[in-house]
């Protein structure tokens, strides 16, 4: 199979897994930063950049930083609509986003859990879109589901390749 087709299908299957869990559970287990994570997992498959430690760890740091920043600066405010120019609410949300992004970046660098899509996760949380502890836990659990689905797909692909090579022998 062509690499582009394989990467496209792999990415789609990863998102399908989390979308199905979200649909069947009714929980917010489908959010924007999963798309880039699925793409990175599919494109770089076995690299250090896609190790479970980095992917899950990066998102966990993003959630923790986002929760801290949001509850420090912007609790009760959400970025679901425009705020008035120069408003205190807008400043609070902006401060939350900046602090969360800085904490996430520093945390990932300090722990060698660099996963760029985690910076999107921290913004989702710090902007009040998924900003409760329960939602934060769901985010991390969803990333775990994504990583497990990725590992299962890789194992299936390896088994298929071994089977094909035996048939050719």
C-alpha atoms as a PDB file:
ATOM      1  CA  UNK A   1       0.000   0.000   0.000  1.00  0.00           C
ATOM      2  CA  UNK A   2       1.224   3.484  -0.820  1.00  0.00           C
ATOM      3  CA  UNK A   3       2.592   5.365   2.248  1.00  0.00           C
ATOM      4  CA  UNK A   4       0.206   8.273   1.702  1.00  0.00           C
ATOM      5  CA  UNK A   5      -2.783   5.973   1.588  1.00  0.00           C
ATOM      6  CA  UNK A   6      -1.547   4.008   4.602  1.00  0.00           C
ATOM      7  CA  UNK A   7      -0.961   7.165   6.650  1.00  0.00           C
ATOM      8  CA  UNK A   8      -4.371   8.519   5.685  1.00  0.00           C
ATOM      9  CA  UNK A   9      -6.139   5.284   6.639  1.00  0.00           C
ATOM     10  CA  UNK A  10      -4.135   4.914   9.871  1.00  0.00           C
ATOM     11  CA  UNK A  11      -5.033   8.472  10.915  1.00  0.00           C
ATOM     12  CA  UNK A  12      -8.691   7.897  10.083  1.00  0.00           C
ATOM     13  CA  UNK A  13      -8.835   4.627  12.014  1.00  0.00           C
ATOM     14  CA  UNK A  14      -7.305   6.286  15.075  1.00  0.00           C
ATOM     15  CA  UNK A  15      -9.880   9.083  15.045  1.00  0.00           C
ATOM     16  CA  UNK A  16     -12.638   6.571  14.293  1.00  0.00           C
ATOM     17  CA  UNK A  17     -11.714   4.749  17.500  1.00  0.00           C
ATOM     18  CA  UNK A  18     -12.008   7.838  19.699  1.00  0.00           C
ATOM     19  CA  UNK A  19     -15.078   9.075  17.799  1.00  0.00           C
ATOM     20  CA  UNK A  20     -16.820   5.753  18.408  1.00  0.00           C
ATOM     21  CA  UNK A  21     -16.002   5.873  22.125  1.00  0.00           C
ATOM     22  CA  UNK A  22     -17.278   9.472  22.303  1.00  0.00           C
ATOM     23  CA  UNK A  23     -20.453   8.588  20.419  1.00  0.00           C
ATOM     24  CA  UNK A  24     -21.197   5.459  22.444  1.00  0.00           C
ATOM     25  CA  UNK A  25     -20.415   7.065  25.808  1.00  0.00           C
ATOM     26  CA  UNK A  26     -21.832  10.533  25.156  1.00  0.00           C
ATOM     27  CA  UNK A  27     -18.692  11.977  26.773  1.00  0.00           C
ATOM     28  CA  UNK A  28     -16.497  14.754  25.312  1.00  0.00           C
ATOM     29  CA  UNK A  29     -13.805  12.353  24.131  1.00  0.00           C
ATOM     30  CA  UNK A  30     -13.320  13.957  20.726  1.00  0.00           C
ATOM     31  CA  UNK A  31     -11.463  17.270  20.668  1.00  0.00           C
ATOM     32  CA  UNK A  32      -9.268  19.184  18.211  1.00  0.00           C
ATOM     33  CA  UNK A  33      -5.803  18.173  19.445  1.00  0.00           C
ATOM     34  CA  UNK A  34      -6.542  14.489  18.738  1.00  0.00           C
ATOM     35  CA  UNK A  35      -6.336  15.143  14.990  1.00  0.00           C
ATOM     36  CA  UNK A  36      -2.706  16.292  15.034  1.00  0.00           C
ATOM     37  CA  UNK A  37      -1.807  13.520  17.500  1.00  0.00           C
ATOM     38  CA  UNK A  38      -3.374  10.877  15.249  1.00  0.00           C
ATOM     39  CA  UNK A  39      -1.529  12.295  12.242  1.00  0.00           C
ATOM     40  CA  UNK A  40       1.836  12.308  14.057  1.00  0.00           C
ATOM     41  CA  UNK A  41       1.271   8.729  15.253  1.00  0.00           C
ATOM     42  CA  UNK A  42       0.343   7.558  11.750  1.00  0.00           C
ATOM     43  CA  UNK A  43       3.117   9.424   9.944  1.00  0.00           C
ATOM     44  CA  UNK A  44       6.040   8.677  12.245  1.00  0.00           C
ATOM     45  CA  UNK A  45       4.758   5.319  13.583  1.00  0.00           C
ATOM     46  CA  UNK A  46       7.759   3.864  15.454  1.00  0.00           C
ATOM     47  CA  UNK A  47       9.846   6.960  16.126  1.00  0.00           C
ATOM     48  CA  UNK A  48      10.771   8.428  19.516  1.00  0.00           C
ATOM     49  CA  UNK A  49       8.354  11.273  18.745  1.00  0.00           C
ATOM     50  CA  UNK A  50       5.433   8.857  18.952  1.00  0.00           C
ATOM     51  CA  UNK A  51       6.448   6.891  22.016  1.00  0.00           C
ATOM     52  CA  UNK A  52       3.488   6.432  24.380  1.00  0.00           C
ATOM     53  CA  UNK A  53       5.468   8.237  27.082  1.00  0.00           C
ATOM     54  CA  UNK A  54       5.779  11.350  24.934  1.00  0.00           C
ATOM     55  CA  UNK A  55       2.261  11.361  23.536  1.00  0.00           C
ATOM     56  CA  UNK A  56       0.440  10.601  26.779  1.00  0.00           C
ATOM     57  CA  UNK A  57       2.911  12.543  28.921  1.00  0.00           C
ATOM     58  CA  UNK A  58       2.733  15.627  26.710  1.00  0.00           C
ATOM     59  CA  UNK A  59      -1.051  15.700  26.800  1.00  0.00           C
ATOM     60  CA  UNK A  60      -1.094  15.055  30.566  1.00  0.00           C
ATOM     61  CA  UNK A  61       1.233  18.005  31.096  1.00  0.00           C
ATOM     62  CA  UNK A  62      -0.955  20.098  28.797  1.00  0.00           C
ATOM     63  CA  UNK A  63      -4.056  19.196  30.791  1.00  0.00           C
ATOM     64  CA  UNK A  64      -2.386  19.902  34.149  1.00  0.00           C
ATOM     65  CA  UNK A  65      -0.970  23.228  32.953  1.00  0.00           C
ATOM     66  CA  UNK A  66      -4.283  24.208  31.366  1.00  0.00           C
ATOM     67  CA  UNK A  67      -6.257  23.389  34.511  1.00  0.00           C
ATOM     68  CA  UNK A  68      -3.822  25.296  36.709  1.00  0.00           C
ATOM     69  CA  UNK A  69      -3.802  28.375  34.493  1.00  0.00           C
ATOM     70  CA  UNK A  70      -7.561  28.355  33.919  1.00  0.00           C
ATOM     71  CA  UNK A  71      -8.444  28.045  37.596  1.00  0.00           C
ATOM     72  CA  UNK A  72      -5.818  30.615  38.543  1.00  0.00           C
ATOM     73  CA  UNK A  73      -6.856  33.284  36.036  1.00  0.00           C
ATOM     74  CA  UNK A  74     -10.053  32.539  34.137  1.00  0.00           C
ATOM     75  CA  UNK A  75     -12.396  30.311  36.150  1.00  0.00           C
ATOM     76  CA  UNK A  76     -15.962  30.889  34.966  1.00  0.00           C
ATOM     77  CA  UNK A  77     -14.941  32.484  31.655  1.00  0.00           C
ATOM     78  CA  UNK A  78     -14.889  30.611  28.350  1.00  0.00           C
ATOM     79  CA  UNK A  79     -13.613  31.488  24.929  1.00  0.00           C
ATOM     80  CA  UNK A  80     -16.761  30.343  23.138  1.00  0.00           C
ATOM     81  CA  UNK A  81     -17.593  33.833  21.931  1.00  0.00           C
ATOM     82  CA  UNK A  82     -15.788  37.118  21.542  1.00  0.00           C
ATOM     83  CA  UNK A  83     -15.196  39.193  24.642  1.00  0.00           C
ATOM     84  CA  UNK A  84     -15.531  42.945  24.686  1.00  0.00           C
ATOM     85  CA  UNK A  85     -12.366  44.708  23.534  1.00  0.00           C
ATOM     86  CA  UNK A  86     -10.122  45.481  26.501  1.00  0.00           C
ATOM     87  CA  UNK A  87     -12.364  43.602  28.944  1.00  0.00           C
ATOM     88  CA  UNK A  88     -11.130  42.001  32.148  1.00  0.00           C
ATOM     89  CA  UNK A  89     -12.665  38.669  31.028  1.00  0.00           C
ATOM     90  CA  UNK A  90     -10.676  38.790  27.792  1.00  0.00           C
ATOM     91  CA  UNK A  91      -7.500  39.591  29.727  1.00  0.00           C
ATOM     92  CA  UNK A  92      -8.133  36.693  32.117  1.00  0.00           C
ATOM     93  CA  UNK A  93      -8.610  34.218  29.256  1.00  0.00           C
ATOM     94  CA  UNK A  94      -5.529  35.558  27.453  1.00  0.00           C
ATOM     95  CA  UNK A  95      -3.414  35.276  30.616  1.00  0.00           C
ATOM     96  CA  UNK A  96      -4.665  31.733  31.158  1.00  0.00           C
ATOM     97  CA  UNK A  97      -3.728  30.734  27.597  1.00  0.00           C
ATOM     98  CA  UNK A  98      -0.260  32.286  27.782  1.00  0.00           C
ATOM     99  CA  UNK A  99       0.580  30.760  31.153  1.00  0.00           C
ATOM    100  CA  UNK A 100      -0.748  27.328  30.155  1.00  0.00           C
ATOM    101  CA  UNK A 101       1.247  27.300  26.919  1.00  0.00           C
ATOM    102  CA  UNK A 102       4.434  28.333  28.707  1.00  0.00           C
ATOM    103  CA  UNK A 103       3.954  25.748  31.471  1.00  0.00           C
ATOM    104  CA  UNK A 104       3.201  23.029  28.928  1.00  0.00           C
ATOM    105  CA  UNK A 105       6.250  23.867  26.839  1.00  0.00           C
ATOM    106  CA  UNK A 106       8.537  24.037  29.863  1.00  0.00           C
ATOM    107  CA  UNK A 107       7.044  20.881  31.358  1.00  0.00           C
ATOM    108  CA  UNK A 108       7.449  18.874  28.169  1.00  0.00           C
ATOM    109  CA  UNK A 109      11.031  20.050  27.709  1.00  0.00           C
ATOM    110  CA  UNK A 110      11.929  19.316  31.337  1.00  0.00           C
ATOM    111  CA  UNK A 111      10.483  15.790  31.197  1.00  0.00           C
ATOM    112  CA  UNK A 112      11.410  14.925  27.598  1.00  0.00           C
ATOM    113  CA  UNK A 113       7.761  14.396  26.714  1.00  0.00           C
ATOM    114  CA  UNK A 114       7.724  16.700  23.694  1.00  0.00           C
ATOM    115  CA  UNK A 115       4.501  16.267  21.726  1.00  0.00           C
ATOM    116  CA  UNK A 116       3.492  19.493  19.905  1.00  0.00           C
ATOM    117  CA  UNK A 117      -0.259  18.685  19.748  1.00  0.00           C
ATOM    118  CA  UNK A 118      -0.266  18.907  23.563  1.00  0.00           C
ATOM    119  CA  UNK A 119       0.023  22.677  23.175  1.00  0.00           C
ATOM    120  CA  UNK A 120      -3.401  22.566  21.510  1.00  0.00           C
ATOM    121  CA  UNK A 121      -4.721  20.497  24.422  1.00  0.00           C
ATOM    122  CA  UNK A 122      -3.495  23.064  26.920  1.00  0.00           C
ATOM    123  CA  UNK A 123      -5.318  25.797  25.006  1.00  0.00           C
ATOM    124  CA  UNK A 124      -8.530  23.751  24.911  1.00  0.00           C
ATOM    125  CA  UNK A 125      -8.369  23.478  28.698  1.00  0.00           C
ATOM    126  CA  UNK A 126      -7.062  26.970  29.529  1.00  0.00           C
ATOM    127  CA  UNK A 127      -9.662  28.671  27.326  1.00  0.00           C
ATOM    128  CA  UNK A 128     -12.446  27.025  29.320  1.00  0.00           C
ATOM    129  CA  UNK A 129     -13.599  24.602  26.627  1.00  0.00           C
ATOM    130  CA  UNK A 130     -12.897  21.428  28.649  1.00  0.00           C
ATOM    131  CA  UNK A 131     -11.778  22.878  31.959  1.00  0.00           C
ATOM    132  CA  UNK A 132     -13.024  20.637  34.762  1.00  0.00           C
ATOM    133  CA  UNK A 133     -10.853  18.002  36.415  1.00  0.00           C
ATOM    134  CA  UNK A 134     -13.251  15.330  35.125  1.00  0.00           C
ATOM    135  CA  UNK A 135     -12.861  16.634  31.561  1.00  0.00           C
ATOM    136  CA  UNK A 136      -9.091  16.759  32.025  1.00  0.00           C
ATOM    137  CA  UNK A 137      -9.068  13.117  33.067  1.00  0.00           C
ATOM    138  CA  UNK A 138     -11.232  12.285  30.031  1.00  0.00           C
ATOM    139  CA  UNK A 139      -8.740  14.037  27.757  1.00  0.00           C
ATOM    140  CA  UNK A 140      -5.868  11.931  29.080  1.00  0.00           C
ATOM    141  CA  UNK A 141      -7.944   8.722  28.919  1.00  0.00           C
ATOM    142  CA  UNK A 142      -8.874   9.512  25.323  1.00  0.00           C
ATOM    143  CA  UNK A 143      -5.208   9.981  24.446  1.00  0.00           C
ATOM    144  CA  UNK A 144      -4.498   6.600  26.055  1.00  0.00           C
ATOM    145  CA  UNK A 145      -7.237   5.061  23.857  1.00  0.00           C
ATOM    146  CA  UNK A 146      -5.640   6.720  20.817  1.00  0.00           C
ATOM    147  CA  UNK A 147      -2.184   5.351  21.689  1.00  0.00           C
ATOM    148  CA  UNK A 148      -3.537   1.845  22.386  1.00  0.00           C
ATOM    149  CA  UNK A 149      -5.404   1.882  19.059  1.00  0.00           C
ATOM    150  CA  UNK A 150      -2.161   2.967  17.350  1.00  0.00           C
ATOM    151  CA  UNK A 151      -0.187   0.151  18.973  1.00  0.00           C
ATOM    152  CA  UNK A 152      -2.864  -2.382  17.947  1.00  0.00           C
ATOM    153  CA  UNK A 153      -2.809  -1.105  14.358  1.00  0.00           C
ATOM    154  CA  UNK A 154       0.986  -1.407  14.246  1.00  0.00           C
ATOM    155  CA  UNK A 155       0.833  -4.948  15.626  1.00  0.00           C
ATOM    156  CA  UNK A 156      -1.812  -5.874  13.048  1.00  0.00           C
ATOM    157  CA  UNK A 157       0.270  -4.381  10.222  1.00  0.00           C
ATOM    158  CA  UNK A 158       3.348  -6.331  11.368  1.00  0.00           C
ATOM    159  CA  UNK A 159       1.386  -9.585  11.510  1.00  0.00           C
ATOM    160  CA  UNK A 160       0.025  -8.926   8.031  1.00  0.00           C
ATOM    161  CA  UNK A 161       3.509  -8.225   6.677  1.00  0.00           C
ATOM    162  CA  UNK A 162       4.859 -11.451   8.215  1.00  0.00           C
ATOM    163  CA  UNK A 163       1.957 -13.409   6.761  1.00  0.00           C
ATOM    164  CA  UNK A 164       2.535 -11.920   3.292  1.00  0.00           C
ATOM    165  CA  UNK A 165       6.274 -12.677   3.406  1.00  0.00           C
ATOM    166  CA  UNK A 166       5.542 -16.314   4.330  1.00  0.00           C
ATOM    167  CA  UNK A 167       3.147 -16.596   1.412  1.00  0.00           C
ATOM    168  CA  UNK A 168       5.822 -15.335  -0.987  1.00  0.00           C
ATOM    169  CA  UNK A 169       8.440 -17.801   0.302  1.00  0.00           C
END
